[in-house]
Amino acid sequence: MSDKMTIVGDADAAPAPEAPGVPSSLLLHKFVKADSWRGALTPDATGGNLPQHGSAWIYAKEVVVSPADRRVGATSLQIANGVSERGYFLFPISDDA
């Protein structure tokens, strides 16, 4: 190998920049309405920031939403934007589930 040659490895590669505006993973809490077609995702585990009209919200489970998720319906970015703007994200619940 000559003085003008160098070995370029993965360590020399610059990390790929993340797309602007793409949030990192969010830990959210899923709630559903017992007598409705609505669901909600919120960072508040108590659900205290969810709209209070209609029936009570029922806690379902923790959900991690990340930009790499593949999902039907809203994208991870739409969910993150809703949580950022309102503090929660509402979505329809299918009877097929």
C-alpha atoms as a PDB file:
ATOM      1  CA  MET A   1       0.000   0.000   0.000  1.00  0.00           C
ATOM      2  CA  SER A   2       1.415   3.414  -0.910  1.00  0.00           C
ATOM      3  CA  ASP A   3       1.466   6.589   1.214  1.00  0.00           C
ATOM      4  CA  LYS A   4      -1.308   8.021  -0.946  1.00  0.00           C
ATOM      5  CA  MET A   5      -3.706   5.183  -0.213  1.00  0.00           C
ATOM      6  CA  THR A   6      -5.826   5.008   2.889  1.00  0.00           C
ATOM      7  CA  ILE A   7      -8.287   2.491   4.215  1.00  0.00           C
ATOM      8  CA  VAL A   8     -11.714   3.932   4.731  1.00  0.00           C
ATOM      9  CA  GLY A   9     -13.890   2.014   7.143  1.00  0.00           C
ATOM     10  CA  ASP A  10     -17.349   2.404   8.628  1.00  0.00           C
ATOM     11  CA  ALA A  11     -15.893   4.471  11.474  1.00  0.00           C
ATOM     12  CA  ASP A  12     -14.957   7.179   8.960  1.00  0.00           C
ATOM     13  CA  ALA A  13     -18.456   7.395   7.521  1.00  0.00           C
ATOM     14  CA  ALA A  14     -20.497  10.378   8.619  1.00  0.00           C
ATOM     15  CA  PRO A  15     -23.744   9.449  10.356  1.00  0.00           C
ATOM     16  CA  ALA A  16     -26.820   9.944   8.217  1.00  0.00           C
ATOM     17  CA  PRO A  17     -28.683  13.057   9.297  1.00  0.00           C
ATOM     18  CA  GLU A  18     -32.216  12.557  10.550  1.00  0.00           C
ATOM     19  CA  ALA A  19     -34.987  14.092   8.548  1.00  0.00           C
ATOM     20  CA  PRO A  20     -35.920  17.505   9.933  1.00  0.00           C
ATOM     21  CA  GLY A  21     -39.026  17.542  12.066  1.00  0.00           C
ATOM     22  CA  VAL A  22     -39.030  13.794  12.737  1.00  0.00           C
ATOM     23  CA  PRO A  23     -39.383  13.248  16.470  1.00  0.00           C
ATOM     24  CA  SER A  24     -37.698  10.436  18.343  1.00  0.00           C
ATOM     25  CA  SER A  25     -39.766   7.658  19.896  1.00  0.00           C
ATOM     26  CA  LEU A  26     -42.637   8.687  22.159  1.00  0.00           C
ATOM     27  CA  LEU A  27     -44.005   6.673  25.061  1.00  0.00           C
ATOM     28  CA  LEU A  28     -47.750   7.246  24.960  1.00  0.00           C
ATOM     29  CA  HIS A  29     -50.752   5.772  26.725  1.00  0.00           C
ATOM     30  CA  LYS A  30     -53.716   4.400  24.790  1.00  0.00           C
ATOM     31  CA  PHE A  31     -57.246   5.036  26.013  1.00  0.00           C
ATOM     32  CA  VAL A  32     -60.566   3.948  24.494  1.00  0.00           C
ATOM     33  CA  LYS A  33     -64.194   4.911  25.033  1.00  0.00           C
ATOM     34  CA  ALA A  34     -66.383   2.015  26.176  1.00  0.00           C
ATOM     35  CA  ASP A  35     -69.422   3.072  24.153  1.00  0.00           C
ATOM     36  CA  SER A  36     -67.804   4.874  21.261  1.00  0.00           C
ATOM     37  CA  TRP A  37     -65.609   4.374  18.219  1.00  0.00           C
ATOM     38  CA  ARG A  38     -62.875   6.688  19.557  1.00  0.00           C
ATOM     39  CA  GLY A  39     -59.410   6.009  20.896  1.00  0.00           C
ATOM     40  CA  ALA A  40     -56.726   8.385  22.130  1.00  0.00           C
ATOM     41  CA  LEU A  41     -52.971   8.481  22.617  1.00  0.00           C
ATOM     42  CA  THR A  42     -51.498  10.786  25.248  1.00  0.00           C
ATOM     43  CA  PRO A  43     -48.279  11.123  27.245  1.00  0.00           C
ATOM     44  CA  ASP A  44     -50.455  11.537  30.389  1.00  0.00           C
ATOM     45  CA  ALA A  45     -50.928   8.084  31.960  1.00  0.00           C
ATOM     46  CA  THR A  46     -53.984   9.362  33.854  1.00  0.00           C
ATOM     47  CA  GLY A  47     -55.753  10.557  30.712  1.00  0.00           C
ATOM     48  CA  GLY A  48     -56.604  13.768  32.550  1.00  0.00           C
ATOM     49  CA  ASN A  49     -55.866  15.900  29.499  1.00  0.00           C
ATOM     50  CA  LEU A  50     -58.306  14.058  27.198  1.00  0.00           C
ATOM     51  CA  PRO A  51     -61.630  15.630  26.146  1.00  0.00           C
ATOM     52  CA  GLN A  52     -64.172  14.957  28.899  1.00  0.00           C
ATOM     53  CA  HIS A  53     -67.432  15.008  26.913  1.00  0.00           C
ATOM     54  CA  GLY A  54     -69.204  11.672  26.492  1.00  0.00           C
ATOM     55  CA  SER A  55     -68.360   8.467  28.318  1.00  0.00           C
ATOM     56  CA  ALA A  56     -65.265   7.947  30.433  1.00  0.00           C
ATOM     57  CA  TRP A  57     -61.921   7.003  28.910  1.00  0.00           C
ATOM     58  CA  ILE A  58     -60.671   3.481  29.727  1.00  0.00           C
ATOM     59  CA  TYR A  59     -56.918   2.867  29.939  1.00  0.00           C
ATOM     60  CA  ALA A  60     -55.784   0.219  27.433  1.00  0.00           C
ATOM     61  CA  LYS A  61     -51.959   0.030  27.357  1.00  0.00           C
ATOM     62  CA  GLU A  62     -48.616   1.774  26.825  1.00  0.00           C
ATOM     63  CA  VAL A  63     -47.658   2.414  23.207  1.00  0.00           C
ATOM     64  CA  VAL A  64     -44.249   3.411  21.831  1.00  0.00           C
ATOM     65  CA  VAL A  65     -44.542   5.461  18.648  1.00  0.00           C
ATOM     66  CA  SER A  66     -41.387   5.882  16.573  1.00  0.00           C
ATOM     67  CA  PRO A  67     -40.675   7.291  13.115  1.00  0.00           C
ATOM     68  CA  ALA A  68     -39.804   3.812  11.796  1.00  0.00           C
ATOM     69  CA  ASP A  69     -43.256   2.397  12.624  1.00  0.00           C
ATOM     70  CA  ARG A  70     -45.388   1.051   9.812  1.00  0.00           C
ATOM     71  CA  ARG A  71     -49.027   1.482  10.625  1.00  0.00           C
ATOM     72  CA  VAL A  72     -52.412   1.765   8.988  1.00  0.00           C
ATOM     73  CA  GLY A  73     -54.047   5.152   9.380  1.00  0.00           C
ATOM     74  CA  ALA A  74     -52.122   8.033  10.878  1.00  0.00           C
ATOM     75  CA  THR A  75     -48.365   8.226  10.487  1.00  0.00           C
ATOM     76  CA  SER A  76     -46.043   8.510  13.457  1.00  0.00           C
ATOM     77  CA  LEU A  77     -45.393  12.128  12.455  1.00  0.00           C
ATOM     78  CA  GLN A  78     -49.137  12.930  12.458  1.00  0.00           C
ATOM     79  CA  ILE A  79     -49.489  11.361  15.907  1.00  0.00           C
ATOM     80  CA  ALA A  80     -46.476  13.289  17.251  1.00  0.00           C
ATOM     81  CA  ASN A  81     -47.793  16.554  15.783  1.00  0.00           C
ATOM     82  CA  GLY A  82     -51.218  16.013  17.382  1.00  0.00           C
ATOM     83  CA  VAL A  83     -49.646  15.291  20.767  1.00  0.00           C
ATOM     84  CA  SER A  84     -47.418  18.356  20.398  1.00  0.00           C
ATOM     85  CA  GLU A  85     -50.312  20.670  19.447  1.00  0.00           C
ATOM     86  CA  ARG A  86     -53.114  19.391  21.725  1.00  0.00           C
ATOM     87  CA  GLY A  87     -51.438  17.061  24.213  1.00  0.00           C
ATOM     88  CA  TYR A  88     -53.255  14.028  22.756  1.00  0.00           C
ATOM     89  CA  PHE A  89     -54.124  12.345  19.470  1.00  0.00           C
ATOM     90  CA  LEU A  90     -57.645  11.000  18.750  1.00  0.00           C
ATOM     91  CA  PHE A  91     -58.281   8.191  16.296  1.00  0.00           C
ATOM     92  CA  PRO A  92     -61.167   5.932  15.223  1.00  0.00           C
ATOM     93  CA  ILE A  93     -61.454   2.404  16.604  1.00  0.00           C
ATOM     94  CA  SER A  94     -62.525  -0.293  14.173  1.00  0.00           C
ATOM     95  CA  ASP A  95     -65.099  -2.905  15.146  1.00  0.00           C
ATOM     96  CA  ASP A  96     -63.005  -5.454  13.237  1.00  0.00           C
ATOM     97  CA  ALA A  97     -60.134  -5.431  15.764  1.00  0.00           C
END
